[in-house]
């Protein structure tokens, strides 16, 4: 059953590995239920404090990188929401291309 979406941007499932780099190291997340939007992503990972600054890398062609910040954690869905805080023109183009590719390949909305 679908509910009302409270996110600013439409989301799609993300089937690419995600790396989160922060002051304490790097975490690689390969989870089939991660999802992505033009404003950020949700990764199925706990333990990242709200407010933590991260550098996001999505292993795609072309590779996408951006700075972000942990904004929320949903314990029921075990998902950490990360908002993009800084996108260069090149990063925006890579993100748009990645979302287009995911959509074209038929990955469902999240």
PDB file of N, CA and C in Angstrom:
ATOM      1  N   UNK A   1       0.843  -1.172   0.000  1.00  0.00           N
ATOM      2  CA  UNK A   1       0.000   0.000   0.000  1.00  0.00           C
ATOM      3  C   UNK A   1       0.889   1.235   0.000  1.00  0.00           C
ATOM      4  N   UNK A   2       0.616   2.163  -0.872  1.00  0.00           N
ATOM      5  CA  UNK A   2       1.410   3.374  -0.968  1.00  0.00           C
ATOM      6  C   UNK A   2       0.819   4.463  -0.088  1.00  0.00           C
ATOM      7  N   UNK A   3       1.688   5.244   0.508  1.00  0.00           N
ATOM      8  CA  UNK A   3       1.259   6.367   1.334  1.00  0.00           C
ATOM      9  C   UNK A   3       1.661   7.665   0.684  1.00  0.00           C
ATOM     10  N   UNK A   4       1.440   8.734   1.382  1.00  0.00           N
ATOM     11  CA  UNK A   4       1.820  10.047   0.895  1.00  0.00           C
ATOM     12  C   UNK A   4       3.330  10.200   0.974  1.00  0.00           C
ATOM     13  N   UNK A   5       3.934  10.669  -0.104  1.00  0.00           N
ATOM     14  CA  UNK A   5       5.384  10.874  -0.137  1.00  0.00           C
ATOM     15  C   UNK A   5       5.704  12.228   0.481  1.00  0.00           C
ATOM     16  N   UNK A   6       6.612  12.226   1.453  1.00  0.00           N
ATOM     17  CA  UNK A   6       6.990  13.472   2.110  1.00  0.00           C
ATOM     18  C   UNK A   6       8.340  13.984   1.615  1.00  0.00           C
ATOM     19  N   UNK A   7       8.948  13.280   0.666  1.00  0.00           N
ATOM     20  CA  UNK A   7      10.231  13.702   0.119  1.00  0.00           C
ATOM     21  C   UNK A   7      10.027  14.756  -0.960  1.00  0.00           C
ATOM     22  N   UNK A   8      10.995  15.645  -1.074  1.00  0.00           N
ATOM     23  CA  UNK A   8      10.931  16.729  -2.053  1.00  0.00           C
ATOM     24  C   UNK A   8      11.139  16.231  -3.479  1.00  0.00           C
ATOM     25  N   UNK A   9      11.940  15.174  -3.664  1.00  0.00           N
ATOM     26  CA  UNK A   9      12.262  14.632  -4.979  1.00  0.00           C
ATOM     27  C   UNK A   9      11.785  13.188  -5.077  1.00  0.00           C
ATOM     28  N   UNK A  10      11.394  12.790  -6.283  1.00  0.00           N
ATOM     29  CA  UNK A  10      11.022  11.387  -6.518  1.00  0.00           C
ATOM     30  C   UNK A  10      12.256  10.514  -6.321  1.00  0.00           C
ATOM     31  N   UNK A  11      12.056   9.314  -5.786  1.00  0.00           N
ATOM     32  CA  UNK A  11      13.157   8.393  -5.510  1.00  0.00           C
ATOM     33  C   UNK A  11      13.048   7.153  -6.383  1.00  0.00           C
ATOM     34  N   UNK A  12      14.209   6.563  -6.666  1.00  0.00           N
ATOM     35  CA  UNK A  12      14.270   5.300  -7.390  1.00  0.00           C
ATOM     36  C   UNK A  12      15.224   4.365  -6.667  1.00  0.00           C
ATOM     37  N   UNK A  13      15.002   3.067  -6.826  1.00  0.00           N
ATOM     38  CA  UNK A  13      15.925   2.114  -6.219  1.00  0.00           C
ATOM     39  C   UNK A  13      17.307   2.288  -6.824  1.00  0.00           C
ATOM     40  N   UNK A  14      18.318   1.991  -6.035  1.00  0.00           N
ATOM     41  CA  UNK A  14      19.709   2.143  -6.439  1.00  0.00           C
ATOM     42  C   UNK A  14      20.409   0.796  -6.330  1.00  0.00           C
ATOM     43  N   UNK A  15      20.870   0.276  -7.463  1.00  0.00           N
ATOM     44  CA  UNK A  15      21.523  -1.035  -7.463  1.00  0.00           C
ATOM     45  C   UNK A  15      23.036  -0.944  -7.643  1.00  0.00           C
ATOM     46  N   UNK A  16      23.613   0.165  -7.236  1.00  0.00           N
ATOM     47  CA  UNK A  16      25.055   0.392  -7.348  1.00  0.00           C
ATOM     48  C   UNK A  16      25.661   0.491  -5.953  1.00  0.00           C
ATOM     49  N   UNK A  17      26.921   0.078  -5.795  1.00  0.00           N
ATOM     50  CA  UNK A  17      27.587   0.237  -4.490  1.00  0.00           C
ATOM     51  C   UNK A  17      27.735   1.714  -4.122  1.00  0.00           C
ATOM     52  N   UNK A  18      27.591   1.996  -2.842  1.00  0.00           N
ATOM     53  CA  UNK A  18      27.730   3.351  -2.314  1.00  0.00           C
ATOM     54  C   UNK A  18      28.869   3.353  -1.302  1.00  0.00           C
ATOM     55  N   UNK A  19      29.746   4.350  -1.405  1.00  0.00           N
ATOM     56  CA  UNK A  19      30.794   4.552  -0.406  1.00  0.00           C
ATOM     57  C   UNK A  19      30.508   5.842   0.335  1.00  0.00           C
ATOM     58  N   UNK A  20      30.591   5.780   1.654  1.00  0.00           N
ATOM     59  CA  UNK A  20      30.437   6.964   2.500  1.00  0.00           C
ATOM     60  C   UNK A  20      31.762   7.192   3.202  1.00  0.00           C
ATOM     61  N   UNK A  21      32.374   8.340   2.956  1.00  0.00           N
ATOM     62  CA  UNK A  21      33.637   8.685   3.593  1.00  0.00           C
ATOM     63  C   UNK A  21      33.365   9.783   4.618  1.00  0.00           C
ATOM     64  N   UNK A  22      33.872   9.588   5.820  1.00  0.00           N
ATOM     65  CA  UNK A  22      33.675  10.566   6.883  1.00  0.00           C
ATOM     66  C   UNK A  22      34.893  10.535   7.784  1.00  0.00           C
ATOM     67  N   UNK A  23      34.889  11.346   8.823  1.00  0.00           N
ATOM     68  CA  UNK A  23      36.075  11.520   9.667  1.00  0.00           C
ATOM     69  C   UNK A  23      36.620  10.212  10.229  1.00  0.00           C
ATOM     70  N   UNK A  24      35.770   9.214  10.449  1.00  0.00           N
ATOM     71  CA  UNK A  24      36.203   7.974  11.087  1.00  0.00           C
ATOM     72  C   UNK A  24      36.511   6.857  10.103  1.00  0.00           C
ATOM     73  N   UNK A  25      36.465   7.143   8.798  1.00  0.00           N
ATOM     74  CA  UNK A  25      36.791   6.105   7.830  1.00  0.00           C
ATOM     75  C   UNK A  25      35.839   6.079   6.651  1.00  0.00           C
ATOM     76  N   UNK A  26      35.805   4.935   6.006  1.00  0.00           N
ATOM     77  CA  UNK A  26      34.967   4.732   4.822  1.00  0.00           C
ATOM     78  C   UNK A  26      34.111   3.500   5.027  1.00  0.00           C
ATOM     79  N   UNK A  27      32.862   3.609   4.616  1.00  0.00           N
ATOM     80  CA  UNK A  27      31.932   2.485   4.681  1.00  0.00           C
ATOM     81  C   UNK A  27      31.460   2.208   3.262  1.00  0.00           C
ATOM     82  N   UNK A  28      31.509   0.940   2.827  1.00  0.00           N
ATOM     83  CA  UNK A  28      30.933   0.559   1.538  1.00  0.00           C
ATOM     84  C   UNK A  28      29.621  -0.155   1.805  1.00  0.00           C
ATOM     85  N   UNK A  29      28.591   0.252   1.074  1.00  0.00           N
ATOM     86  CA  UNK A  29      27.256  -0.297   1.285  1.00  0.00           C
ATOM     87  C   UNK A  29      26.763  -0.880  -0.030  1.00  0.00           C
ATOM     88  N   UNK A  30      26.527  -2.186  -0.039  1.00  0.00           N
ATOM     89  CA  UNK A  30      25.986  -2.889  -1.203  1.00  0.00           C
ATOM     90  C   UNK A  30      24.650  -3.486  -0.788  1.00  0.00           C
ATOM     91  N   UNK A  31      23.614  -2.701  -0.800  1.00  0.00           N
ATOM     92  CA  UNK A  31      22.299  -3.170  -0.358  1.00  0.00           C
ATOM     93  C   UNK A  31      21.287  -2.933  -1.463  1.00  0.00           C
ATOM     94  N   UNK A  32      20.528  -3.946  -1.828  1.00  0.00           N
ATOM     95  CA  UNK A  32      19.591  -3.795  -2.947  1.00  0.00           C
ATOM     96  C   UNK A  32      18.417  -2.857  -2.674  1.00  0.00           C
ATOM     97  N   UNK A  33      18.242  -2.418  -1.445  1.00  0.00           N
ATOM     98  CA  UNK A  33      17.114  -1.539  -1.148  1.00  0.00           C
ATOM     99  C   UNK A  33      17.525  -0.100  -0.887  1.00  0.00           C
ATOM    100  N   UNK A  34      18.761   0.266  -1.209  1.00  0.00           N
ATOM    101  CA  UNK A  34      19.142   1.679  -1.154  1.00  0.00           C
ATOM    102  C   UNK A  34      18.330   2.407  -2.202  1.00  0.00           C
ATOM    103  N   UNK A  35      18.140   3.718  -2.035  1.00  0.00           N
ATOM    104  CA  UNK A  35      17.451   4.467  -3.074  1.00  0.00           C
ATOM    105  C   UNK A  35      18.036   5.856  -3.201  1.00  0.00           C
ATOM    106  N   UNK A  36      17.730   6.497  -4.335  1.00  0.00           N
ATOM    107  CA  UNK A  36      18.395   7.717  -4.743  1.00  0.00           C
ATOM    108  C   UNK A  36      17.391   8.710  -5.293  1.00  0.00           C
ATOM    109  N   UNK A  37      17.668   9.994  -5.070  1.00  0.00           N
ATOM    110  CA  UNK A  37      16.882  11.068  -5.686  1.00  0.00           C
ATOM    111  C   UNK A  37      17.830  12.199  -6.053  1.00  0.00           C
ATOM    112  N   UNK A  38      17.308  13.225  -6.671  1.00  0.00           N
ATOM    113  CA  UNK A  38      18.118  14.385  -7.028  1.00  0.00           C
ATOM    114  C   UNK A  38      18.610  15.131  -5.794  1.00  0.00           C
ATOM    115  N   UNK A  39      17.983  14.910  -4.638  1.00  0.00           N
ATOM    116  CA  UNK A  39      18.358  15.628  -3.421  1.00  0.00           C
ATOM    117  C   UNK A  39      19.161  14.840  -2.422  1.00  0.00           C
ATOM    118  N   UNK A  40      19.289  13.514  -2.623  1.00  0.00           N
ATOM    119  CA  UNK A  40      20.027  12.709  -1.660  1.00  0.00           C
ATOM    120  C   UNK A  40      19.780  11.230  -1.851  1.00  0.00           C
ATOM    121  N   UNK A  41      20.102  10.454  -0.826  1.00  0.00           N
ATOM    122  CA  UNK A  41      19.887   9.023  -0.914  1.00  0.00           C
ATOM    123  C   UNK A  41      19.546   8.462   0.457  1.00  0.00           C
ATOM    124  N   UNK A  42      18.983   7.269   0.442  1.00  0.00           N
ATOM    125  CA  UNK A  42      18.718   6.517   1.663  1.00  0.00           C
ATOM    126  C   UNK A  42      19.493   5.223   1.546  1.00  0.00           C
ATOM    127  N   UNK A  43      20.338   4.967   2.554  1.00  0.00           N
ATOM    128  CA  UNK A  43      21.121   3.745   2.580  1.00  0.00           C
ATOM    129  C   UNK A  43      20.700   2.913   3.782  1.00  0.00           C
ATOM    130  N   UNK A  44      20.705   1.620   3.595  1.00  0.00           N
ATOM    131  CA  UNK A  44      20.316   0.722   4.680  1.00  0.00           C
ATOM    132  C   UNK A  44      21.539   0.438   5.530  1.00  0.00           C
ATOM    133  N   UNK A  45      21.708   1.337   6.478  1.00  0.00           N
ATOM    134  CA  UNK A  45      22.852   1.296   7.389  1.00  0.00           C
ATOM    135  C   UNK A  45      22.481   2.071   8.647  1.00  0.00           C
ATOM    136  N   UNK A  46      22.829   1.557   9.781  1.00  0.00           N
ATOM    137  CA  UNK A  46      22.583   2.277  11.027  1.00  0.00           C
ATOM    138  C   UNK A  46      23.910   2.761  11.591  1.00  0.00           C
ATOM    139  N   UNK A  47      23.842   3.554  12.654  1.00  0.00           N
ATOM    140  CA  UNK A  47      25.036   3.956  13.373  1.00  0.00           C
ATOM    141  C   UNK A  47      25.690   5.240  12.911  1.00  0.00           C
ATOM    142  N   UNK A  48      25.100   5.929  11.956  1.00  0.00           N
ATOM    143  CA  UNK A  48      25.649   7.216  11.522  1.00  0.00           C
ATOM    144  C   UNK A  48      24.859   8.316  12.222  1.00  0.00           C
ATOM    145  N   UNK A  49      25.478   9.070  13.115  1.00  0.00           N
ATOM    146  CA  UNK A  49      24.753  10.090  13.864  1.00  0.00           C
ATOM    147  C   UNK A  49      24.189  11.187  12.956  1.00  0.00           C
ATOM    148  N   UNK A  50      22.992  11.635  13.279  1.00  0.00           N
ATOM    149  CA  UNK A  50      22.378  12.740  12.544  1.00  0.00           C
ATOM    150  C   UNK A  50      23.296  13.948  12.646  1.00  0.00           C
ATOM    151  N   UNK A  51      23.505  14.609  11.516  1.00  0.00           N
ATOM    152  CA  UNK A  51      24.387  15.764  11.444  1.00  0.00           C
ATOM    153  C   UNK A  51      25.780  15.441  10.926  1.00  0.00           C
ATOM    154  N   UNK A  52      26.121  14.149  10.840  1.00  0.00           N
ATOM    155  CA  UNK A  52      27.443  13.759  10.356  1.00  0.00           C
ATOM    156  C   UNK A  52      27.632  14.205   8.906  1.00  0.00           C
ATOM    157  N   UNK A  53      28.767  14.833   8.631  1.00  0.00           N
ATOM    158  CA  UNK A  53      29.119  15.224   7.272  1.00  0.00           C
ATOM    159  C   UNK A  53      29.796  14.043   6.588  1.00  0.00           C
ATOM    160  N   UNK A  54      29.370  13.724   5.365  1.00  0.00           N
ATOM    161  CA  UNK A  54      29.929  12.600   4.623  1.00  0.00           C
ATOM    162  C   UNK A  54      30.250  13.021   3.190  1.00  0.00           C
ATOM    163  N   UNK A  55      31.161  12.295   2.582  1.00  0.00           N
ATOM    164  CA  UNK A  55      31.408  12.429   1.152  1.00  0.00           C
ATOM    165  C   UNK A  55      30.858  11.152   0.538  1.00  0.00           C
ATOM    166  N   UNK A  56      29.966  11.293  -0.428  1.00  0.00           N
ATOM    167  CA  UNK A  56      29.271  10.168  -1.043  1.00  0.00           C
ATOM    168  C   UNK A  56      29.907   9.855  -2.390  1.00  0.00           C
ATOM    169  N   UNK A  57      30.161   8.576  -2.633  1.00  0.00           N
ATOM    170  CA  UNK A  57      30.624   8.132  -3.945  1.00  0.00           C
ATOM    171  C   UNK A  57      29.740   6.958  -4.363  1.00  0.00           C
ATOM    172  N   UNK A  58      29.154   7.064  -5.552  1.00  0.00           N
ATOM    173  CA  UNK A  58      28.363   5.971  -6.108  1.00  0.00           C
ATOM    174  C   UNK A  58      29.149   5.431  -7.294  1.00  0.00           C
ATOM    175  N   UNK A  59      29.469   4.154  -7.231  1.00  0.00           N
ATOM    176  CA  UNK A  59      30.285   3.519  -8.263  1.00  0.00           C
ATOM    177  C   UNK A  59      29.435   3.261  -9.497  1.00  0.00           C
ATOM    178  N   UNK A  60      29.467   4.200 -10.412  1.00  0.00           N
ATOM    179  CA  UNK A  60      28.700   4.129 -11.650  1.00  0.00           C
ATOM    180  C   UNK A  60      29.580   4.705 -12.753  1.00  0.00           C
ATOM    181  N   UNK A  61      29.094   4.682 -13.967  1.00  0.00           N
ATOM    182  CA  UNK A  61      29.838   5.291 -15.080  1.00  0.00           C
ATOM    183  C   UNK A  61      28.974   6.387 -15.688  1.00  0.00           C
ATOM    184  N   UNK A  62      29.337   7.656 -15.574  1.00  0.00           N
ATOM    185  CA  UNK A  62      30.505   8.136 -14.839  1.00  0.00           C
ATOM    186  C   UNK A  62      30.269   8.069 -13.328  1.00  0.00           C
ATOM    187  N   UNK A  63      31.357   8.023 -12.597  1.00  0.00           N
ATOM    188  CA  UNK A  63      31.265   7.954 -11.138  1.00  0.00           C
ATOM    189  C   UNK A  63      30.652   9.234 -10.587  1.00  0.00           C
ATOM    190  N   UNK A  64      29.769   9.077  -9.595  1.00  0.00           N
ATOM    191  CA  UNK A  64      29.123  10.227  -8.967  1.00  0.00           C
ATOM    192  C   UNK A  64      29.737  10.449  -7.587  1.00  0.00           C
ATOM    193  N   UNK A  65      30.061  11.717  -7.272  1.00  0.00           N
ATOM    194  CA  UNK A  65      30.557  12.083  -5.949  1.00  0.00           C
ATOM    195  C   UNK A  65      29.932  13.400  -5.518  1.00  0.00           C
ATOM    196  N   UNK A  66      29.637  13.508  -4.231  1.00  0.00           N
ATOM    197  CA  UNK A  66      29.088  14.745  -3.680  1.00  0.00           C
ATOM    198  C   UNK A  66      29.271  14.751  -2.171  1.00  0.00           C
ATOM    199  N   UNK A  67      29.234  15.939  -1.599  1.00  0.00           N
ATOM    200  CA  UNK A  67      29.218  16.066  -0.149  1.00  0.00           C
ATOM    201  C   UNK A  67      27.784  15.980   0.326  1.00  0.00           C
ATOM    202  N   UNK A  68      27.610  15.454   1.527  1.00  0.00           N
ATOM    203  CA  UNK A  68      26.271  15.323   2.076  1.00  0.00           C
ATOM    204  C   UNK A  68      26.290  15.364   3.589  1.00  0.00           C
ATOM    205  N   UNK A  69      25.087  15.277   4.153  1.00  0.00           N
ATOM    206  CA  UNK A  69      24.941  15.290   5.607  1.00  0.00           C
ATOM    207  C   UNK A  69      23.832  14.322   5.993  1.00  0.00           C
ATOM    208  N   UNK A  70      24.088  13.531   7.051  1.00  0.00           N
ATOM    209  CA  UNK A  70      23.078  12.617   7.574  1.00  0.00           C
ATOM    210  C   UNK A  70      21.957  13.454   8.170  1.00  0.00           C
ATOM    211  N   UNK A  71      20.741  13.249   7.680  1.00  0.00           N
ATOM    212  CA  UNK A  71      19.600  14.055   8.119  1.00  0.00           C
ATOM    213  C   UNK A  71      18.613  13.304   9.003  1.00  0.00           C
ATOM    214  N   UNK A  72      18.511  11.986   8.819  1.00  0.00           N
ATOM    215  CA  UNK A  72      17.484  11.253   9.562  1.00  0.00           C
ATOM    216  C   UNK A  72      17.845   9.772   9.564  1.00  0.00           C
ATOM    217  N   UNK A  73      17.255   9.047  10.521  1.00  0.00           N
ATOM    218  CA  UNK A  73      17.380   7.598  10.563  1.00  0.00           C
ATOM    219  C   UNK A  73      16.006   7.030  10.866  1.00  0.00           C
ATOM    220  N   UNK A  74      15.564   6.083  10.045  1.00  0.00           N
ATOM    221  CA  UNK A  74      14.273   5.442  10.223  1.00  0.00           C
ATOM    222  C   UNK A  74      14.525   4.031  10.739  1.00  0.00           C
ATOM    223  N   UNK A  75      14.310   3.810  12.029  1.00  0.00           N
ATOM    224  CA  UNK A  75      14.592   2.512  12.635  1.00  0.00           C
ATOM    225  C   UNK A  75      13.708   1.407  12.066  1.00  0.00           C
ATOM    226  N   UNK A  76      12.460   1.722  11.758  1.00  0.00           N
ATOM    227  CA  UNK A  76      11.533   0.710  11.231  1.00  0.00           C
ATOM    228  C   UNK A  76      12.034   0.170   9.896  1.00  0.00           C
ATOM    229  N   UNK A  77      12.536   1.056   9.035  1.00  0.00           N
ATOM    230  CA  UNK A  77      13.018   0.645   7.717  1.00  0.00           C
ATOM    231  C   UNK A  77      14.533   0.470   7.682  1.00  0.00           C
ATOM    232  N   UNK A  78      15.199   0.707   8.797  1.00  0.00           N
ATOM    233  CA  UNK A  78      16.653   0.606   8.904  1.00  0.00           C
ATOM    234  C   UNK A  78      17.344   1.411   7.811  1.00  0.00           C
ATOM    235  N   UNK A  79      16.876   2.622   7.579  1.00  0.00           N
ATOM    236  CA  UNK A  79      17.437   3.457   6.532  1.00  0.00           C
ATOM    237  C   UNK A  79      17.939   4.783   7.066  1.00  0.00           C
ATOM    238  N   UNK A  80      19.125   5.186   6.608  1.00  0.00           N
ATOM    239  CA  UNK A  80      19.715   6.465   6.960  1.00  0.00           C
ATOM    240  C   UNK A  80      19.571   7.398   5.775  1.00  0.00           C
ATOM    241  N   UNK A  81      18.971   8.567   6.002  1.00  0.00           N
ATOM    242  CA  UNK A  81      18.766   9.546   4.943  1.00  0.00           C
ATOM    243  C   UNK A  81      19.938  10.517   4.904  1.00  0.00           C
ATOM    244  N   UNK A  82      20.511  10.673   3.711  1.00  0.00           N
ATOM    245  CA  UNK A  82      21.631  11.585   3.498  1.00  0.00           C
ATOM    246  C   UNK A  82      21.221  12.598   2.437  1.00  0.00           C
ATOM    247  N   UNK A  83      21.295  13.877   2.785  1.00  0.00           N
ATOM    248  CA  UNK A  83      20.968  14.951   1.840  1.00  0.00           C
ATOM    249  C   UNK A  83      22.257  15.452   1.204  1.00  0.00           C
ATOM    250  N   UNK A  84      22.225  15.667  -0.120  1.00  0.00           N
ATOM    251  CA  UNK A  84      23.380  16.257  -0.786  1.00  0.00           C
ATOM    252  C   UNK A  84      23.453  17.726  -0.406  1.00  0.00           C
ATOM    253  N   UNK A  85      24.634  18.177  -0.005  1.00  0.00           N
ATOM    254  CA  UNK A  85      24.809  19.571   0.412  1.00  0.00           C
ATOM    255  C   UNK A  85      25.629  20.382  -0.574  1.00  0.00           C
ATOM    256  N   UNK A  86      26.353  19.697  -1.443  1.00  0.00           N
ATOM    257  CA  UNK A  86      27.185  20.391  -2.418  1.00  0.00           C
ATOM    258  C   UNK A  86      27.336  19.533  -3.659  1.00  0.00           C
ATOM    259  N   UNK A  87      26.903  20.078  -4.796  1.00  0.00           N
ATOM    260  CA  UNK A  87      27.010  19.377  -6.078  1.00  0.00           C
ATOM    261  C   UNK A  87      27.664  20.297  -7.099  1.00  0.00           C
ATOM    262  N   UNK A  88      28.765  19.856  -7.676  1.00  0.00           N
ATOM    263  CA  UNK A  88      29.374  20.606  -8.773  1.00  0.00           C
ATOM    264  C   UNK A  88      28.534  20.367 -10.026  1.00  0.00           C
ATOM    265  N   UNK A  89      28.792  21.136 -11.057  1.00  0.00           N
ATOM    266  CA  UNK A  89      28.083  20.935 -12.325  1.00  0.00           C
ATOM    267  C   UNK A  89      28.336  19.518 -12.834  1.00  0.00           C
ATOM    268  N   UNK A  90      29.572  19.054 -12.744  1.00  0.00           N
ATOM    269  CA  UNK A  90      29.923  17.711 -13.199  1.00  0.00           C
ATOM    270  C   UNK A  90      29.188  16.649 -12.376  1.00  0.00           C
ATOM    271  N   UNK A  91      29.096  16.850 -11.066  1.00  0.00           N
ATOM    272  CA  UNK A  91      28.381  15.905 -10.204  1.00  0.00           C
ATOM    273  C   UNK A  91      26.895  15.894 -10.522  1.00  0.00           C
ATOM    274  N   UNK A  92      26.302  17.062 -10.759  1.00  0.00           N
ATOM    275  CA  UNK A  92      24.877  17.141 -11.105  1.00  0.00           C
ATOM    276  C   UNK A  92      24.610  16.381 -12.407  1.00  0.00           C
ATOM    277  N   UNK A  93      25.491  16.550 -13.400  1.00  0.00           N
ATOM    278  CA  UNK A  93      25.321  15.843 -14.669  1.00  0.00           C
ATOM    279  C   UNK A  93      25.446  14.331 -14.479  1.00  0.00           C
ATOM    280  N   UNK A  94      26.417  13.893 -13.656  1.00  0.00           N
ATOM    281  CA  UNK A  94      26.583  12.466 -13.379  1.00  0.00           C
ATOM    282  C   UNK A  94      25.367  11.912 -12.643  1.00  0.00           C
ATOM    283  N   UNK A  95      24.831  12.672 -11.685  1.00  0.00           N
ATOM    284  CA  UNK A  95      23.637  12.250 -10.946  1.00  0.00           C
ATOM    285  C   UNK A  95      22.434  12.136 -11.869  1.00  0.00           C
ATOM    286  N   UNK A  96      22.235  13.141 -12.707  1.00  0.00           N
ATOM    287  CA  UNK A  96      21.113  13.094 -13.656  1.00  0.00           C
ATOM    288  C   UNK A  96      21.234  11.883 -14.580  1.00  0.00           C
ATOM    289  N   UNK A  97      22.466  11.614 -15.061  1.00  0.00           N
ATOM    290  CA  UNK A  97      22.685  10.459 -15.928  1.00  0.00           C
ATOM    291  C   UNK A  97      22.435   9.145 -15.209  1.00  0.00           C
ATOM    292  N   UNK A  98      22.837   9.063 -13.948  1.00  0.00           N
ATOM    293  CA  UNK A  98      22.625   7.852 -13.153  1.00  0.00           C
ATOM    294  C   UNK A  98      21.140   7.609 -12.931  1.00  0.00           C
ATOM    295  N   UNK A  99      20.394   8.633 -12.559  1.00  0.00           N
ATOM    296  CA  UNK A  99      18.950   8.482 -12.351  1.00  0.00           C
ATOM    297  C   UNK A  99      18.275   8.088 -13.658  1.00  0.00           C
ATOM    298  N   UNK A 100      18.694   8.693 -14.765  1.00  0.00           N
ATOM    299  CA  UNK A 100      18.136   8.336 -16.075  1.00  0.00           C
ATOM    300  C   UNK A 100      18.405   6.863 -16.393  1.00  0.00           C
ATOM    301  N   UNK A 101      19.633   6.391 -16.130  1.00  0.00           N
ATOM    302  CA  UNK A 101      19.998   5.004 -16.382  1.00  0.00           C
ATOM    303  C   UNK A 101      19.161   4.064 -15.526  1.00  0.00           C
ATOM    304  N   UNK A 102      19.016   4.361 -14.235  1.00  0.00           N
ATOM    305  CA  UNK A 102      18.223   3.504 -13.340  1.00  0.00           C
ATOM    306  C   UNK A 102      16.780   3.420 -13.808  1.00  0.00           C
ATOM    307  N   UNK A 103      16.242   4.558 -14.233  1.00  0.00           N
ATOM    308  CA  UNK A 103      14.852   4.607 -14.701  1.00  0.00           C
ATOM    309  C   UNK A 103      14.704   3.828 -16.003  1.00  0.00           C
ATOM    310  N   UNK A 104      15.634   4.025 -16.927  1.00  0.00           N
ATOM    311  CA  UNK A 104      15.582   3.350 -18.224  1.00  0.00           C
ATOM    312  C   UNK A 104      15.670   1.843 -18.074  1.00  0.00           C
ATOM    313  N   UNK A 105      16.443   1.381 -17.081  1.00  0.00           N
ATOM    314  CA  UNK A 105      16.577  -0.057 -16.839  1.00  0.00           C
ATOM    315  C   UNK A 105      15.387  -0.634 -16.072  1.00  0.00           C
ATOM    316  N   UNK A 106      14.447   0.221 -15.704  1.00  0.00           N
ATOM    317  CA  UNK A 106      13.205  -0.255 -15.098  1.00  0.00           C
ATOM    318  C   UNK A 106      13.242  -0.458 -13.599  1.00  0.00           C
ATOM    319  N   UNK A 107      14.230   0.116 -12.920  1.00  0.00           N
ATOM    320  CA  UNK A 107      14.213   0.006 -11.464  1.00  0.00           C
ATOM    321  C   UNK A 107      13.011   0.767 -10.931  1.00  0.00           C
ATOM    322  N   UNK A 108      12.313   0.189  -9.973  1.00  0.00           N
ATOM    323  CA  UNK A 108      11.072   0.820  -9.504  1.00  0.00           C
ATOM    324  C   UNK A 108      11.298   2.075  -8.655  1.00  0.00           C
ATOM    325  N   UNK A 109      10.274   2.868  -8.598  1.00  0.00           N
ATOM    326  CA  UNK A 109      10.281   4.021  -7.695  1.00  0.00           C
ATOM    327  C   UNK A 109      10.369   3.497  -6.270  1.00  0.00           C
ATOM    328  N   UNK A 110      10.965   4.290  -5.414  1.00  0.00           N
ATOM    329  CA  UNK A 110      11.138   3.861  -4.023  1.00  0.00           C
ATOM    330  C   UNK A 110      10.286   4.717  -3.112  1.00  0.00           C
TER     331      UNK A 110
END
